[in-house]
N, C-alpha and C. Protein backbone atom coordinates (compact mmCIF):
# COMPACT_ATOMS: atom_id res chain seq x y z
N MET A 1 57.58 169.85 43.67
CA MET A 1 56.88 168.66 44.13
C MET A 1 55.61 168.48 43.30
N GLN A 2 55.49 167.30 42.71
CA GLN A 2 54.35 167.00 41.89
C GLN A 2 53.16 166.52 42.76
N LEU A 3 51.99 167.18 42.60
CA LEU A 3 50.80 166.81 43.34
C LEU A 3 49.66 166.74 42.37
N THR A 4 48.65 165.95 42.76
CA THR A 4 47.43 165.87 42.03
C THR A 4 46.39 166.51 42.96
N LEU A 5 45.71 167.56 42.51
CA LEU A 5 44.66 168.23 43.23
C LEU A 5 43.32 167.97 42.51
N GLU A 6 42.30 167.56 43.30
CA GLU A 6 41.02 167.34 42.72
C GLU A 6 39.97 168.16 43.46
N PHE A 7 39.06 168.79 42.67
CA PHE A 7 38.05 169.67 43.24
C PHE A 7 36.67 169.06 42.86
N GLY A 8 35.77 168.97 43.82
CA GLY A 8 34.40 168.38 43.50
C GLY A 8 33.35 169.11 44.34
N GLY A 9 32.15 168.69 44.10
CA GLY A 9 30.96 169.26 44.86
C GLY A 9 30.69 170.70 44.46
N GLY A 10 31.17 171.11 43.31
CA GLY A 10 30.97 172.51 42.88
C GLY A 10 32.21 173.40 42.95
N LEU A 11 33.24 172.95 43.70
CA LEU A 11 34.40 173.77 43.86
C LEU A 11 35.19 173.86 42.53
N GLU A 12 34.93 172.85 41.66
CA GLU A 12 35.67 172.92 40.38
C GLU A 12 35.29 174.12 39.54
N LEU A 13 34.04 174.68 39.86
CA LEU A 13 33.66 175.90 39.15
C LEU A 13 34.50 177.12 39.42
N LEU A 14 35.21 177.10 40.53
CA LEU A 14 36.15 178.18 40.92
C LEU A 14 37.47 178.10 40.20
N CYS A 15 37.74 176.89 39.59
CA CYS A 15 38.96 176.58 38.93
C CYS A 15 38.77 176.36 37.39
N ASP A 16 38.08 177.23 36.77
CA ASP A 16 37.76 177.02 35.34
C ASP A 16 37.06 175.75 35.02
N SER A 17 36.25 175.26 35.89
CA SER A 17 35.46 174.03 35.72
C SER A 17 36.35 172.79 35.39
N LYS A 18 37.54 172.84 35.91
CA LYS A 18 38.44 171.67 35.73
C LYS A 18 38.55 170.96 37.06
N LYS A 19 38.23 169.65 37.08
CA LYS A 19 38.18 168.92 38.34
C LYS A 19 39.57 168.47 38.81
N ILE A 20 40.41 168.00 37.94
CA ILE A 20 41.72 167.44 38.30
C ILE A 20 42.81 168.30 37.76
N HIS A 21 43.73 168.65 38.61
CA HIS A 21 44.90 169.47 38.29
C HIS A 21 46.19 168.74 38.67
N ASN A 22 47.05 168.47 37.78
CA ASN A 22 48.41 167.95 38.10
C ASN A 22 49.33 169.15 38.12
N VAL A 23 49.88 169.44 39.35
CA VAL A 23 50.62 170.70 39.53
C VAL A 23 51.99 170.35 40.07
N ASN A 24 52.82 171.33 39.95
CA ASN A 24 54.17 171.38 40.52
C ASN A 24 54.26 172.52 41.47
N VAL A 25 54.37 172.22 42.80
CA VAL A 25 54.37 173.25 43.80
C VAL A 25 55.72 173.22 44.53
N GLU A 26 56.33 174.44 44.60
CA GLU A 26 57.62 174.52 45.32
C GLU A 26 57.35 175.03 46.71
N GLN A 27 58.25 174.59 47.61
CA GLN A 27 58.09 174.98 49.01
C GLN A 27 58.30 176.54 49.12
N GLN A 28 57.64 177.13 50.04
CA GLN A 28 57.67 178.60 50.21
C GLN A 28 58.66 178.95 51.27
N ASN A 29 59.34 180.10 51.14
CA ASN A 29 60.18 180.67 52.13
C ASN A 29 61.23 179.73 52.71
N GLY A 30 61.77 178.90 51.88
CA GLY A 30 62.83 178.01 52.32
C GLY A 30 62.44 176.93 53.26
N GLU A 31 61.15 176.60 53.32
CA GLU A 31 60.75 175.55 54.19
C GLU A 31 61.18 174.19 53.78
N ASP A 32 61.43 173.30 54.69
CA ASP A 32 61.91 171.96 54.37
C ASP A 32 60.84 171.12 53.69
N LYS A 33 59.58 171.25 54.22
CA LYS A 33 58.50 170.42 53.77
C LYS A 33 57.34 171.33 53.36
N LEU A 34 56.64 170.90 52.32
CA LEU A 34 55.37 171.60 52.00
C LEU A 34 54.27 171.09 52.89
N THR A 35 53.55 172.08 53.48
CA THR A 35 52.41 171.65 54.33
C THR A 35 51.12 172.05 53.63
N MET A 36 49.99 171.66 54.20
CA MET A 36 48.71 172.01 53.64
C MET A 36 48.51 173.52 53.71
N LYS A 37 49.03 174.18 54.72
CA LYS A 37 48.88 175.62 54.80
C LYS A 37 49.59 176.31 53.63
N GLY A 38 50.78 175.86 53.34
CA GLY A 38 51.44 176.35 52.06
C GLY A 38 50.75 176.05 50.82
N LEU A 39 50.21 174.83 50.76
CA LEU A 39 49.45 174.42 49.51
C LEU A 39 48.22 175.25 49.35
N LEU A 40 47.49 175.52 50.43
CA LEU A 40 46.23 176.33 50.28
C LEU A 40 46.58 177.74 49.79
N SER A 41 47.65 178.30 50.30
CA SER A 41 48.13 179.64 49.79
C SER A 41 48.43 179.55 48.32
N TRP A 42 49.14 178.52 47.90
CA TRP A 42 49.45 178.41 46.51
C TRP A 42 48.25 178.18 45.63
N VAL A 43 47.25 177.40 46.10
CA VAL A 43 46.00 177.17 45.36
C VAL A 43 45.25 178.51 45.23
N ARG A 44 45.15 179.28 46.28
CA ARG A 44 44.44 180.58 46.21
C ARG A 44 45.13 181.46 45.11
N THR A 45 46.43 181.48 45.09
CA THR A 45 47.12 182.38 44.16
C THR A 45 47.09 181.81 42.75
N ASN A 46 47.25 180.54 42.58
CA ASN A 46 47.48 179.98 41.20
C ASN A 46 46.33 179.20 40.54
N LEU A 47 45.36 178.72 41.30
CA LEU A 47 44.29 177.92 40.71
C LEU A 47 42.95 178.54 40.76
N ILE A 48 42.63 179.21 41.82
CA ILE A 48 41.29 179.80 42.01
C ILE A 48 41.18 180.99 41.15
N LYS A 49 40.23 180.93 40.19
CA LYS A 49 40.11 181.98 39.23
C LYS A 49 39.05 183.05 39.62
N GLU A 50 38.05 182.63 40.47
CA GLU A 50 37.05 183.59 40.88
C GLU A 50 36.53 183.16 42.27
N ARG A 51 36.05 184.10 42.97
CA ARG A 51 35.39 183.96 44.28
C ARG A 51 36.14 183.09 45.24
N PRO A 52 37.40 183.44 45.53
CA PRO A 52 38.21 182.65 46.53
C PRO A 52 37.54 182.51 47.85
N GLU A 53 36.67 183.42 48.18
CA GLU A 53 35.96 183.34 49.53
C GLU A 53 35.04 182.16 49.61
N MET A 54 34.71 181.54 48.43
CA MET A 54 33.87 180.38 48.44
C MET A 54 34.66 179.11 48.75
N PHE A 55 35.99 179.20 48.73
CA PHE A 55 36.85 178.08 48.94
C PHE A 55 37.62 178.26 50.27
N MET A 56 38.06 179.50 50.61
CA MET A 56 38.86 179.69 51.81
C MET A 56 38.28 180.80 52.70
N LYS A 57 38.53 180.60 53.98
CA LYS A 57 38.21 181.64 54.97
C LYS A 57 39.45 181.78 55.81
N GLY A 58 40.09 182.98 55.68
CA GLY A 58 41.41 183.17 56.40
C GLY A 58 42.43 182.35 55.64
N ASP A 59 43.18 181.53 56.40
CA ASP A 59 44.24 180.70 55.82
C ASP A 59 43.90 179.26 55.76
N THR A 60 42.60 178.93 55.91
CA THR A 60 42.14 177.50 55.81
C THR A 60 40.89 177.48 54.89
N VAL A 61 40.47 176.29 54.66
CA VAL A 61 39.21 176.07 53.83
C VAL A 61 38.01 176.52 54.63
N ARG A 62 36.94 176.87 53.92
CA ARG A 62 35.75 177.24 54.54
C ARG A 62 35.12 176.09 55.29
N PRO A 63 34.32 176.31 56.31
CA PRO A 63 33.54 175.14 56.82
C PRO A 63 32.70 174.52 55.77
N GLY A 64 32.56 173.20 55.76
CA GLY A 64 31.80 172.52 54.70
C GLY A 64 32.63 172.00 53.57
N VAL A 65 33.96 172.24 53.58
CA VAL A 65 34.81 171.71 52.59
C VAL A 65 35.54 170.55 53.14
N LEU A 66 35.33 169.35 52.64
CA LEU A 66 36.04 168.13 53.04
C LEU A 66 37.38 168.06 52.31
N VAL A 67 38.44 167.83 53.11
CA VAL A 67 39.78 167.75 52.52
C VAL A 67 40.32 166.38 52.80
N LEU A 68 40.71 165.67 51.74
CA LEU A 68 41.33 164.37 51.84
C LEU A 68 42.71 164.41 51.33
N VAL A 69 43.70 163.86 52.04
CA VAL A 69 45.07 163.73 51.59
C VAL A 69 45.36 162.26 51.43
N ASN A 70 45.54 161.81 50.26
CA ASN A 70 45.69 160.38 49.94
C ASN A 70 44.55 159.59 50.56
N ASP A 71 43.30 160.01 50.29
CA ASP A 71 42.08 159.40 50.80
C ASP A 71 41.90 159.34 52.30
N CYS A 72 42.67 160.15 53.05
CA CYS A 72 42.55 160.23 54.45
C CYS A 72 42.12 161.70 54.84
N ASP A 73 41.05 161.76 55.72
CA ASP A 73 40.54 163.08 56.16
C ASP A 73 41.70 163.84 56.79
N TRP A 74 41.91 165.04 56.38
CA TRP A 74 43.01 165.83 56.89
C TRP A 74 42.91 166.13 58.37
N GLU A 75 41.67 166.07 58.92
CA GLU A 75 41.50 166.28 60.34
C GLU A 75 42.22 165.18 61.16
N LEU A 76 42.48 164.05 60.53
CA LEU A 76 43.20 162.99 61.21
C LEU A 76 44.71 163.10 61.04
N SER A 77 45.18 163.98 60.14
CA SER A 77 46.64 164.05 59.89
C SER A 77 47.21 165.44 60.27
N GLY A 78 46.45 166.26 60.88
CA GLY A 78 47.01 167.56 61.32
C GLY A 78 46.56 168.80 60.70
N GLN A 79 45.58 168.68 59.81
CA GLN A 79 44.93 169.84 59.12
C GLN A 79 46.01 170.66 58.39
N LEU A 80 46.19 171.96 58.83
CA LEU A 80 47.08 172.88 58.16
C LEU A 80 48.49 172.46 58.24
N SER A 81 48.86 171.69 59.32
CA SER A 81 50.26 171.29 59.47
C SER A 81 50.59 169.97 58.79
N THR A 82 49.64 169.33 58.12
CA THR A 82 49.86 168.13 57.40
C THR A 82 50.98 168.29 56.44
N SER A 83 52.05 167.46 56.49
CA SER A 83 53.11 167.54 55.53
C SER A 83 52.76 166.73 54.25
N LEU A 84 53.11 167.30 53.13
CA LEU A 84 52.85 166.68 51.87
C LEU A 84 54.15 166.09 51.24
N GLU A 85 54.00 165.00 50.51
CA GLU A 85 55.07 164.31 49.82
C GLU A 85 54.83 164.37 48.34
N ASP A 86 55.91 164.16 47.61
CA ASP A 86 55.83 164.13 46.14
C ASP A 86 54.79 163.09 45.75
N LYS A 87 53.96 163.44 44.76
CA LYS A 87 52.92 162.52 44.15
C LYS A 87 51.72 162.35 45.01
N ASP A 88 51.55 163.11 46.13
CA ASP A 88 50.38 163.02 46.93
C ASP A 88 49.15 163.49 46.15
N VAL A 89 47.94 163.00 46.55
CA VAL A 89 46.72 163.35 45.97
C VAL A 89 45.86 164.08 47.01
N VAL A 90 45.50 165.34 46.77
CA VAL A 90 44.74 166.10 47.69
C VAL A 90 43.38 166.41 47.02
N VAL A 91 42.31 166.11 47.77
CA VAL A 91 40.92 166.24 47.19
C VAL A 91 40.17 167.21 48.07
N PHE A 92 39.54 168.16 47.44
CA PHE A 92 38.66 169.13 48.10
C PHE A 92 37.25 168.95 47.57
N ILE A 93 36.30 168.68 48.49
CA ILE A 93 34.90 168.45 48.15
C ILE A 93 34.01 169.38 48.96
N SER A 94 33.19 170.14 48.35
CA SER A 94 32.22 170.95 49.03
C SER A 94 31.06 170.05 49.43
N THR A 95 30.69 170.12 50.72
CA THR A 95 29.52 169.33 51.20
C THR A 95 28.32 170.24 51.29
N LEU A 96 28.42 171.49 50.94
CA LEU A 96 27.32 172.39 51.00
C LEU A 96 26.71 172.57 49.61
N HIS A 97 25.39 172.39 49.53
CA HIS A 97 24.70 172.48 48.29
C HIS A 97 23.44 173.26 48.47
N GLY A 98 22.99 173.97 47.42
CA GLY A 98 21.78 174.69 47.48
C GLY A 98 20.55 173.75 47.52
N GLY A 99 19.38 174.28 47.87
CA GLY A 99 18.22 173.39 47.95
C GLY A 99 17.16 173.84 47.06
């Protein structure tokens, strides 16, 4: 499944300072559909190069990370259970900044 992943607000620093990633993600464990939970696990394993605790807490994103799926807040579409389709765009933006 082809997806575009975008990281902003400083999260790109965890991914070799690259903001946009065009990736091919396969469903895990014979699942019919890829969900955000599966995608986050894939991102932790394949894209995050350092300090994964700055991006994830447990099996979800840390508080303060805004997640958009095709420009829609994932809180409106089911969060971890949100189903993904081919060519979806998923954006992760950190809203926490130092002062």
